N, C-alpha and C. Protein backbone atom coordinates (compact mmCIF):
# COMPACT_ATOMS: atom_id res chain seq x y z
N MET A 1 44.09 5.22 -22.08
CA MET A 1 44.11 4.70 -20.74
C MET A 1 43.31 3.41 -20.70
N THR A 2 43.89 2.40 -20.18
CA THR A 2 43.21 1.11 -20.05
C THR A 2 42.70 0.95 -18.63
N LEU A 3 41.54 0.41 -18.54
CA LEU A 3 40.94 0.18 -17.22
C LEU A 3 41.17 -1.26 -16.81
N SER A 4 41.77 -1.45 -15.69
CA SER A 4 41.97 -2.80 -15.19
C SER A 4 40.75 -3.23 -14.39
N LEU A 5 40.67 -4.48 -14.12
CA LEU A 5 39.57 -5.03 -13.35
C LEU A 5 39.55 -4.41 -11.94
N LYS A 6 40.74 -4.15 -11.42
CA LYS A 6 40.87 -3.54 -10.10
C LYS A 6 40.31 -2.11 -10.09
N SER A 7 40.59 -1.33 -11.10
CA SER A 7 40.08 0.05 -11.13
C SER A 7 38.58 0.08 -11.39
N ILE A 8 38.07 -0.83 -12.19
CA ILE A 8 36.61 -0.91 -12.43
C ILE A 8 35.91 -1.26 -11.12
N GLY A 9 36.47 -2.22 -10.40
CA GLY A 9 35.90 -2.61 -9.10
C GLY A 9 35.94 -1.46 -8.11
N SER A 10 37.04 -0.75 -8.07
CA SER A 10 37.18 0.38 -7.14
C SER A 10 36.17 1.48 -7.44
N TRP A 11 36.02 1.82 -8.72
CA TRP A 11 35.04 2.85 -9.10
C TRP A 11 33.61 2.39 -8.82
N SER A 12 33.35 1.11 -9.01
CA SER A 12 32.01 0.58 -8.73
C SER A 12 31.69 0.67 -7.24
N VAL A 13 32.63 0.30 -6.39
CA VAL A 13 32.43 0.38 -4.95
C VAL A 13 32.25 1.83 -4.52
N LEU A 14 33.05 2.72 -5.06
CA LEU A 14 32.94 4.14 -4.74
C LEU A 14 31.57 4.68 -5.16
N SER A 15 31.12 4.29 -6.34
CA SER A 15 29.79 4.73 -6.82
C SER A 15 28.68 4.23 -5.89
N LEU A 16 28.75 2.96 -5.48
CA LEU A 16 27.74 2.42 -4.57
C LEU A 16 27.76 3.14 -3.22
N MET A 17 28.93 3.50 -2.75
CA MET A 17 29.03 4.23 -1.49
C MET A 17 28.41 5.62 -1.61
N ILE A 18 28.65 6.29 -2.70
CA ILE A 18 28.09 7.63 -2.91
C ILE A 18 26.57 7.55 -3.04
N MET A 19 26.06 6.51 -3.68
CA MET A 19 24.61 6.34 -3.85
C MET A 19 23.88 6.26 -2.51
N GLN A 20 24.54 5.78 -1.47
CA GLN A 20 23.89 5.63 -0.16
C GLN A 20 23.48 6.97 0.43
N PHE A 21 24.09 8.05 -0.02
CA PHE A 21 23.81 9.36 0.55
C PHE A 21 22.67 10.11 -0.15
N ILE A 22 22.09 9.51 -1.18
CA ILE A 22 20.95 10.13 -1.86
C ILE A 22 19.71 9.91 -0.99
N PRO A 23 19.09 10.98 -0.51
CA PRO A 23 17.95 10.83 0.40
C PRO A 23 16.70 10.30 -0.31
N LEU A 24 15.98 9.46 0.41
CA LEU A 24 14.73 8.90 -0.11
C LEU A 24 13.62 9.17 0.90
N ASN A 25 12.41 9.12 0.42
CA ASN A 25 11.24 9.34 1.27
C ASN A 25 10.77 8.00 1.85
N ARG A 26 11.35 7.62 2.98
CA ARG A 26 10.95 6.39 3.66
C ARG A 26 10.24 6.73 4.97
N ILE A 27 9.30 7.62 4.88
CA ILE A 27 8.57 8.09 6.06
C ILE A 27 7.18 7.48 6.06
N ASN A 28 6.72 7.11 7.24
CA ASN A 28 5.36 6.65 7.40
C ASN A 28 4.54 7.78 8.02
N PRO A 29 3.74 8.50 7.20
CA PRO A 29 2.90 9.57 7.76
C PRO A 29 1.87 8.98 8.72
N PRO A 30 1.23 9.81 9.53
CA PRO A 30 0.22 9.28 10.45
C PRO A 30 -0.99 8.73 9.69
N VAL A 31 -1.64 7.76 10.31
CA VAL A 31 -2.85 7.18 9.74
C VAL A 31 -3.98 8.16 9.97
N VAL A 32 -4.65 8.56 8.88
CA VAL A 32 -5.73 9.54 8.95
C VAL A 32 -7.06 8.85 9.24
N SER A 33 -7.41 7.88 8.43
CA SER A 33 -8.66 7.14 8.59
C SER A 33 -8.48 5.76 7.99
N ASP A 34 -8.28 4.79 8.85
CA ASP A 34 -8.03 3.43 8.40
C ASP A 34 -9.31 2.80 7.87
N VAL A 35 -9.16 1.87 6.94
CA VAL A 35 -10.31 1.18 6.37
C VAL A 35 -10.96 0.32 7.46
N GLN A 36 -12.29 0.37 7.54
CA GLN A 36 -13.03 -0.39 8.54
C GLN A 36 -13.51 -1.69 7.90
N THR A 37 -12.94 -2.79 8.36
CA THR A 37 -13.26 -4.09 7.80
C THR A 37 -13.43 -5.10 8.93
N PRO A 38 -14.01 -6.25 8.62
CA PRO A 38 -14.01 -7.34 9.61
C PRO A 38 -12.57 -7.78 9.91
N TYR A 39 -12.40 -8.43 11.04
CA TYR A 39 -11.07 -8.82 11.52
C TYR A 39 -10.29 -9.65 10.49
N SER A 40 -10.94 -10.63 9.87
CA SER A 40 -10.23 -11.50 8.91
C SER A 40 -9.77 -10.72 7.67
N ILE A 41 -10.58 -9.81 7.21
CA ILE A 41 -10.22 -8.98 6.05
C ILE A 41 -9.05 -8.07 6.41
N LYS A 42 -9.13 -7.46 7.60
CA LYS A 42 -8.07 -6.55 8.05
C LYS A 42 -6.73 -7.29 8.14
N ASN A 43 -6.74 -8.52 8.68
CA ASN A 43 -5.50 -9.30 8.77
C ASN A 43 -4.94 -9.62 7.39
N SER A 44 -5.80 -9.96 6.46
CA SER A 44 -5.35 -10.25 5.10
C SER A 44 -4.78 -9.01 4.43
N LEU A 45 -5.44 -7.87 4.62
CA LEU A 45 -4.94 -6.62 4.05
C LEU A 45 -3.58 -6.26 4.64
N LYS A 46 -3.45 -6.38 5.96
CA LYS A 46 -2.18 -6.07 6.60
C LYS A 46 -1.07 -7.01 6.13
N LYS A 47 -1.42 -8.25 5.94
CA LYS A 47 -0.44 -9.24 5.50
C LYS A 47 0.06 -8.96 4.09
N ALA A 48 -0.84 -8.70 3.17
CA ALA A 48 -0.47 -8.65 1.76
C ALA A 48 -0.40 -7.26 1.15
N CYS A 49 -1.07 -6.28 1.74
CA CYS A 49 -1.23 -4.99 1.06
C CYS A 49 -0.61 -3.80 1.78
N TYR A 50 -0.57 -3.85 3.09
CA TYR A 50 -0.21 -2.65 3.86
C TYR A 50 1.22 -2.18 3.65
N ASP A 51 2.13 -3.04 3.25
CA ASP A 51 3.52 -2.60 3.06
C ASP A 51 3.63 -1.58 1.93
N CYS A 52 2.76 -1.64 0.95
CA CYS A 52 2.82 -0.68 -0.16
C CYS A 52 1.62 0.26 -0.20
N HIS A 53 0.51 -0.14 0.39
CA HIS A 53 -0.73 0.63 0.26
C HIS A 53 -1.25 1.17 1.59
N SER A 54 -0.34 1.60 2.46
CA SER A 54 -0.75 2.21 3.72
C SER A 54 0.39 3.07 4.25
N ASN A 55 0.09 3.79 5.31
CA ASN A 55 1.12 4.57 5.99
C ASN A 55 1.77 3.75 7.11
N GLU A 56 1.60 2.44 7.05
CA GLU A 56 2.17 1.53 8.04
C GLU A 56 3.17 0.59 7.38
N THR A 57 3.96 1.11 6.48
CA THR A 57 4.93 0.31 5.74
C THR A 57 6.01 -0.22 6.67
N GLY A 58 6.27 -1.51 6.55
CA GLY A 58 7.40 -2.11 7.27
C GLY A 58 8.60 -2.08 6.33
N TRP A 59 9.52 -1.14 6.56
CA TRP A 59 10.66 -0.97 5.66
C TRP A 59 11.69 -2.06 5.93
N PRO A 60 11.93 -2.97 4.98
CA PRO A 60 12.94 -4.01 5.19
C PRO A 60 14.34 -3.43 5.10
N GLY A 61 15.33 -4.19 5.54
CA GLY A 61 16.71 -3.73 5.51
C GLY A 61 17.18 -3.35 4.12
N ILE A 62 16.70 -4.06 3.12
CA ILE A 62 17.11 -3.80 1.74
C ILE A 62 16.64 -2.41 1.28
N ALA A 63 15.63 -1.86 1.97
CA ALA A 63 15.12 -0.53 1.61
C ALA A 63 16.09 0.58 1.99
N TYR A 64 17.21 0.22 2.57
CA TYR A 64 18.21 1.22 2.96
C TYR A 64 19.51 1.06 2.18
N LEU A 65 19.53 0.17 1.20
CA LEU A 65 20.73 -0.06 0.39
C LEU A 65 20.47 0.33 -1.06
N ALA A 66 21.15 1.38 -1.51
CA ALA A 66 21.01 1.82 -2.91
C ALA A 66 21.75 0.85 -3.81
N PRO A 67 21.30 0.63 -5.00
CA PRO A 67 20.19 1.25 -5.72
C PRO A 67 18.85 0.53 -5.53
N ILE A 68 18.84 -0.60 -4.81
CA ILE A 68 17.59 -1.33 -4.60
C ILE A 68 16.61 -0.48 -3.79
N SER A 69 17.13 0.34 -2.88
CA SER A 69 16.26 1.19 -2.07
C SER A 69 15.44 2.14 -2.94
N TRP A 70 15.99 2.54 -4.08
CA TRP A 70 15.25 3.43 -4.97
C TRP A 70 14.01 2.72 -5.52
N LEU A 71 14.17 1.47 -5.89
CA LEU A 71 13.05 0.68 -6.40
C LEU A 71 11.99 0.49 -5.31
N VAL A 72 12.42 0.14 -4.10
CA VAL A 72 11.48 -0.09 -3.00
C VAL A 72 10.73 1.20 -2.67
N SER A 73 11.44 2.30 -2.55
CA SER A 73 10.81 3.58 -2.23
C SER A 73 9.84 4.01 -3.32
N SER A 74 10.22 3.83 -4.56
CA SER A 74 9.35 4.19 -5.68
C SER A 74 8.08 3.33 -5.70
N THR A 75 8.23 2.04 -5.44
CA THR A 75 7.09 1.13 -5.43
C THR A 75 6.10 1.50 -4.34
N VAL A 76 6.61 1.80 -3.14
CA VAL A 76 5.73 2.18 -2.03
C VAL A 76 5.04 3.51 -2.34
N SER A 77 5.77 4.46 -2.86
CA SER A 77 5.18 5.76 -3.20
C SER A 77 4.07 5.61 -4.23
N THR A 78 4.33 4.83 -5.26
CA THR A 78 3.33 4.59 -6.29
C THR A 78 2.12 3.87 -5.71
N GLY A 79 2.37 2.87 -4.88
CA GLY A 79 1.27 2.12 -4.26
C GLY A 79 0.39 3.01 -3.41
N ARG A 80 1.01 3.89 -2.62
CA ARG A 80 0.23 4.81 -1.78
C ARG A 80 -0.57 5.78 -2.63
N ASN A 81 -0.04 6.19 -3.76
CA ASN A 81 -0.77 7.11 -4.64
C ASN A 81 -1.97 6.44 -5.29
N VAL A 82 -1.86 5.16 -5.58
CA VAL A 82 -2.96 4.44 -6.23
C VAL A 82 -4.08 4.20 -5.23
N VAL A 83 -3.77 3.60 -4.10
CA VAL A 83 -4.75 3.39 -3.03
C VAL A 83 -3.98 3.34 -1.72
N ASN A 84 -4.50 4.06 -0.74
CA ASN A 84 -3.87 4.13 0.57
C ASN A 84 -4.93 3.81 1.62
N PHE A 85 -4.82 2.65 2.24
CA PHE A 85 -5.81 2.24 3.23
C PHE A 85 -5.75 3.11 4.50
N SER A 86 -4.69 3.86 4.67
CA SER A 86 -4.56 4.75 5.83
C SER A 86 -5.27 6.08 5.63
N THR A 87 -5.71 6.35 4.42
CA THR A 87 -6.51 7.54 4.13
C THR A 87 -7.78 7.12 3.41
N TRP A 88 -8.31 5.98 3.79
CA TRP A 88 -9.41 5.34 3.07
C TRP A 88 -10.64 6.21 2.96
N ASN A 89 -11.05 6.86 4.03
CA ASN A 89 -12.27 7.68 3.98
C ASN A 89 -12.11 8.94 3.16
N ASN A 90 -10.87 9.32 2.86
CA ASN A 90 -10.64 10.52 2.06
C ASN A 90 -10.58 10.22 0.57
N GLU A 91 -10.57 8.96 0.21
CA GLU A 91 -10.44 8.58 -1.20
C GLU A 91 -11.81 8.27 -1.80
N LYS A 92 -11.83 8.20 -3.10
CA LYS A 92 -13.04 7.82 -3.80
C LYS A 92 -13.12 6.30 -3.80
N ARG A 93 -13.74 5.76 -2.75
CA ARG A 93 -13.75 4.32 -2.53
C ARG A 93 -14.39 3.54 -3.66
N GLU A 94 -15.49 4.05 -4.18
CA GLU A 94 -16.22 3.30 -5.20
C GLU A 94 -15.34 3.03 -6.43
N LEU A 95 -14.54 4.01 -6.79
CA LEU A 95 -13.66 3.84 -7.95
C LEU A 95 -12.53 2.86 -7.66
N LYS A 96 -12.08 2.83 -6.43
CA LYS A 96 -10.94 1.99 -6.06
C LYS A 96 -11.32 0.53 -5.86
N GLN A 97 -12.55 0.28 -5.42
CA GLN A 97 -12.93 -1.08 -5.06
C GLN A 97 -12.90 -2.04 -6.25
N ALA A 98 -13.31 -1.61 -7.41
CA ALA A 98 -13.24 -2.47 -8.59
C ALA A 98 -11.80 -2.82 -8.93
N GLU A 99 -10.92 -1.84 -8.80
CA GLU A 99 -9.50 -2.08 -9.05
C GLU A 99 -8.91 -3.03 -8.00
N ILE A 100 -9.32 -2.87 -6.75
CA ILE A 100 -8.84 -3.75 -5.68
C ILE A 100 -9.28 -5.18 -5.94
N ILE A 101 -10.51 -5.37 -6.35
CA ILE A 101 -11.02 -6.71 -6.65
C ILE A 101 -10.22 -7.34 -7.78
N ARG A 102 -9.90 -6.55 -8.80
CA ARG A 102 -9.11 -7.07 -9.92
C ARG A 102 -7.71 -7.49 -9.45
N VAL A 103 -7.09 -6.66 -8.63
CA VAL A 103 -5.72 -6.95 -8.17
C VAL A 103 -5.70 -8.16 -7.24
N ILE A 104 -6.71 -8.28 -6.38
CA ILE A 104 -6.78 -9.44 -5.49
C ILE A 104 -6.90 -10.71 -6.33
N GLY A 105 -7.64 -10.65 -7.42
CA GLY A 105 -7.76 -11.80 -8.32
C GLY A 105 -6.45 -12.17 -8.99
N GLU A 106 -5.60 -11.17 -9.25
CA GLU A 106 -4.29 -11.45 -9.85
C GLU A 106 -3.37 -12.19 -8.90
N GLY A 107 -3.53 -11.97 -7.61
CA GLY A 107 -2.67 -12.61 -6.62
C GLY A 107 -1.24 -12.13 -6.74
N PRO A 108 -0.29 -13.05 -6.71
CA PRO A 108 1.13 -12.66 -6.71
C PRO A 108 1.61 -12.05 -8.03
N LEU A 109 0.77 -11.99 -9.03
CA LEU A 109 1.18 -11.37 -10.29
C LEU A 109 1.19 -9.85 -10.17
N HIS A 110 0.55 -9.33 -9.14
CA HIS A 110 0.46 -7.87 -8.94
C HIS A 110 1.83 -7.26 -8.74
N GLN A 111 2.60 -7.74 -7.82
CA GLN A 111 3.97 -7.27 -7.56
C GLN A 111 4.87 -8.49 -7.43
N ARG A 112 5.34 -8.98 -8.53
CA ARG A 112 6.08 -10.25 -8.56
C ARG A 112 7.30 -10.24 -7.66
N PHE A 113 8.13 -9.19 -7.75
CA PHE A 113 9.36 -9.17 -6.95
C PHE A 113 9.05 -9.17 -5.46
N TYR A 114 8.02 -8.45 -5.07
CA TYR A 114 7.65 -8.39 -3.66
C TYR A 114 7.30 -9.78 -3.15
N TYR A 115 6.49 -10.51 -3.91
CA TYR A 115 6.05 -11.83 -3.46
C TYR A 115 7.12 -12.90 -3.65
N ILE A 116 8.06 -12.69 -4.53
CA ILE A 116 9.18 -13.62 -4.65
C ILE A 116 10.04 -13.56 -3.40
N PHE A 117 10.30 -12.34 -2.92
CA PHE A 117 11.14 -12.16 -1.74
C PHE A 117 10.36 -12.28 -0.43
N ASN A 118 9.04 -12.24 -0.49
CA ASN A 118 8.18 -12.36 0.69
C ASN A 118 7.05 -13.35 0.42
N PRO A 119 7.35 -14.63 0.22
CA PRO A 119 6.28 -15.58 -0.12
C PRO A 119 5.24 -15.73 0.99
N GLU A 120 5.61 -15.44 2.24
CA GLU A 120 4.66 -15.56 3.34
C GLU A 120 3.58 -14.48 3.28
N LYS A 121 3.77 -13.45 2.47
CA LYS A 121 2.81 -12.35 2.34
C LYS A 121 1.73 -12.65 1.31
N GLN A 122 1.87 -13.72 0.55
CA GLN A 122 0.88 -14.04 -0.47
C GLN A 122 -0.43 -14.46 0.17
N LEU A 123 -1.52 -14.03 -0.43
CA LEU A 123 -2.85 -14.43 0.05
C LEU A 123 -3.17 -15.83 -0.44
N GLU A 124 -3.75 -16.60 0.44
CA GLU A 124 -4.24 -17.93 0.06
C GLU A 124 -5.50 -17.75 -0.79
N LEU A 125 -5.85 -18.77 -1.53
CA LEU A 125 -7.03 -18.70 -2.40
C LEU A 125 -8.29 -18.37 -1.58
N GLN A 126 -8.44 -18.99 -0.41
CA GLN A 126 -9.62 -18.74 0.43
C GLN A 126 -9.64 -17.27 0.89
N GLU A 127 -8.50 -16.73 1.27
CA GLU A 127 -8.43 -15.32 1.68
C GLU A 127 -8.83 -14.40 0.53
N ARG A 128 -8.35 -14.72 -0.67
CA ARG A 128 -8.69 -13.88 -1.84
C ARG A 128 -10.19 -13.93 -2.12
N LYS A 129 -10.81 -15.10 -1.97
CA LYS A 129 -12.25 -15.21 -2.20
C LYS A 129 -13.04 -14.39 -1.18
N ILE A 130 -12.65 -14.47 0.08
CA ILE A 130 -13.34 -13.73 1.14
C ILE A 130 -13.20 -12.23 0.91
N MET A 131 -11.99 -11.78 0.57
CA MET A 131 -11.76 -10.36 0.34
C MET A 131 -12.51 -9.86 -0.88
N THR A 132 -12.51 -10.64 -1.95
CA THR A 132 -13.23 -10.26 -3.17
C THR A 132 -14.72 -10.12 -2.87
N LYS A 133 -15.26 -11.07 -2.13
CA LYS A 133 -16.69 -11.02 -1.78
C LYS A 133 -16.99 -9.78 -0.94
N TRP A 134 -16.14 -9.49 0.05
CA TRP A 134 -16.39 -8.34 0.93
C TRP A 134 -16.33 -7.03 0.15
N PHE A 135 -15.28 -6.85 -0.67
CA PHE A 135 -15.16 -5.61 -1.43
C PHE A 135 -16.29 -5.48 -2.46
N SER A 136 -16.75 -6.60 -3.02
CA SER A 136 -17.88 -6.56 -3.96
C SER A 136 -19.14 -6.09 -3.25
N GLU A 137 -19.37 -6.61 -2.05
CA GLU A 137 -20.54 -6.20 -1.28
C GLU A 137 -20.46 -4.72 -0.92
N GLN A 138 -19.27 -4.24 -0.58
CA GLN A 138 -19.10 -2.85 -0.21
C GLN A 138 -19.35 -1.92 -1.38
N SER A 139 -18.97 -2.34 -2.57
CA SER A 139 -19.16 -1.47 -3.73
C SER A 139 -20.63 -1.39 -4.15
N HIS A 140 -21.44 -2.38 -3.74
CA HIS A 140 -22.85 -2.36 -4.08
C HIS A 140 -23.71 -1.68 -3.03
N GLU A 141 -23.14 -1.37 -1.87
CA GLU A 141 -23.92 -0.69 -0.83
C GLU A 141 -24.23 0.73 -1.24
N GLN A 142 -25.37 1.19 -0.81
CA GLN A 142 -25.74 2.59 -1.04
C GLN A 142 -25.05 3.44 0.01
N SER A 143 -24.77 4.68 -0.32
CA SER A 143 -24.21 5.57 0.69
C SER A 143 -25.29 5.88 1.71
N PRO A 144 -24.92 5.99 2.98
CA PRO A 144 -25.93 6.20 4.02
C PRO A 144 -26.60 7.57 3.89
N HIS A 145 -27.87 7.58 4.21
CA HIS A 145 -28.64 8.83 4.19
C HIS A 145 -28.76 9.33 5.61
N ILE A 146 -28.68 10.62 5.78
CA ILE A 146 -28.81 11.21 7.10
C ILE A 146 -30.29 11.47 7.35
N LYS A 147 -30.84 10.82 8.39
CA LYS A 147 -32.27 10.96 8.67
C LYS A 147 -32.56 12.24 9.42
N ASN A 148 -31.75 12.55 10.39
CA ASN A 148 -32.00 13.72 11.23
C ASN A 148 -30.95 14.77 10.96
N SER A 149 -31.21 15.61 10.02
CA SER A 149 -30.27 16.70 9.75
C SER A 149 -30.69 17.91 10.55
N GLY A 150 -29.84 18.88 10.62
CA GLY A 150 -30.11 20.09 11.38
C GLY A 150 -31.33 20.85 10.89
N SER A 151 -31.67 20.72 9.63
CA SER A 151 -32.81 21.46 9.10
C SER A 151 -34.14 20.86 9.51
N ASN A 152 -34.15 19.63 10.02
CA ASN A 152 -35.38 18.97 10.43
C ASN A 152 -35.79 19.34 11.85
N ARG A 153 -34.87 19.86 12.63
CA ARG A 153 -35.14 20.11 14.04
C ARG A 153 -36.07 21.32 14.21
N GLN A 154 -36.92 21.18 15.20
CA GLN A 154 -37.77 22.30 15.55
C GLN A 154 -37.13 23.05 16.70
N ASP A 155 -37.15 24.36 16.61
CA ASP A 155 -36.60 25.15 17.69
C ASP A 155 -37.61 25.24 18.82
N LYS A 156 -37.05 25.09 20.00
CA LYS A 156 -37.92 25.23 21.19
C LYS A 156 -37.64 26.59 21.80
N THR A 157 -38.66 27.38 21.93
CA THR A 157 -38.48 28.68 22.55
C THR A 157 -39.08 28.66 23.93
N LEU A 158 -38.49 29.40 24.80
CA LEU A 158 -39.00 29.47 26.18
C LEU A 158 -39.95 30.60 26.36
């Protein structure tokens, strides 16, 4: 049996149509505890990082067309597993901050395809410097000590 160009095209279109019905996890769970940062840092994070590293992903139209949707969904899932700013207080921040500083230094090399298709999402050099400085300062802070714990209180009896 010989395959003509017409039959190859027909089978390809049919395959692409069937691929659209494979379900993907494109859900944005609720934000549990957002990272607390100064306004400028928060804007930079939302601009460049939140699409893959938060529960506030803005799903583009291409995220609904297979097989590209598989790549987008996989990238977001992986990004959320590595660091998720929407569950920031639940994560081991100290371990993540060094990695975040390294990735911010890489700039658009971190996710090349994302920044090729979204050049407006790239951080400017000044934004990267400010973010690197802030995350460096945060990683050097000591964890807060509780001064007045329940065991320090004196009971008052009547």
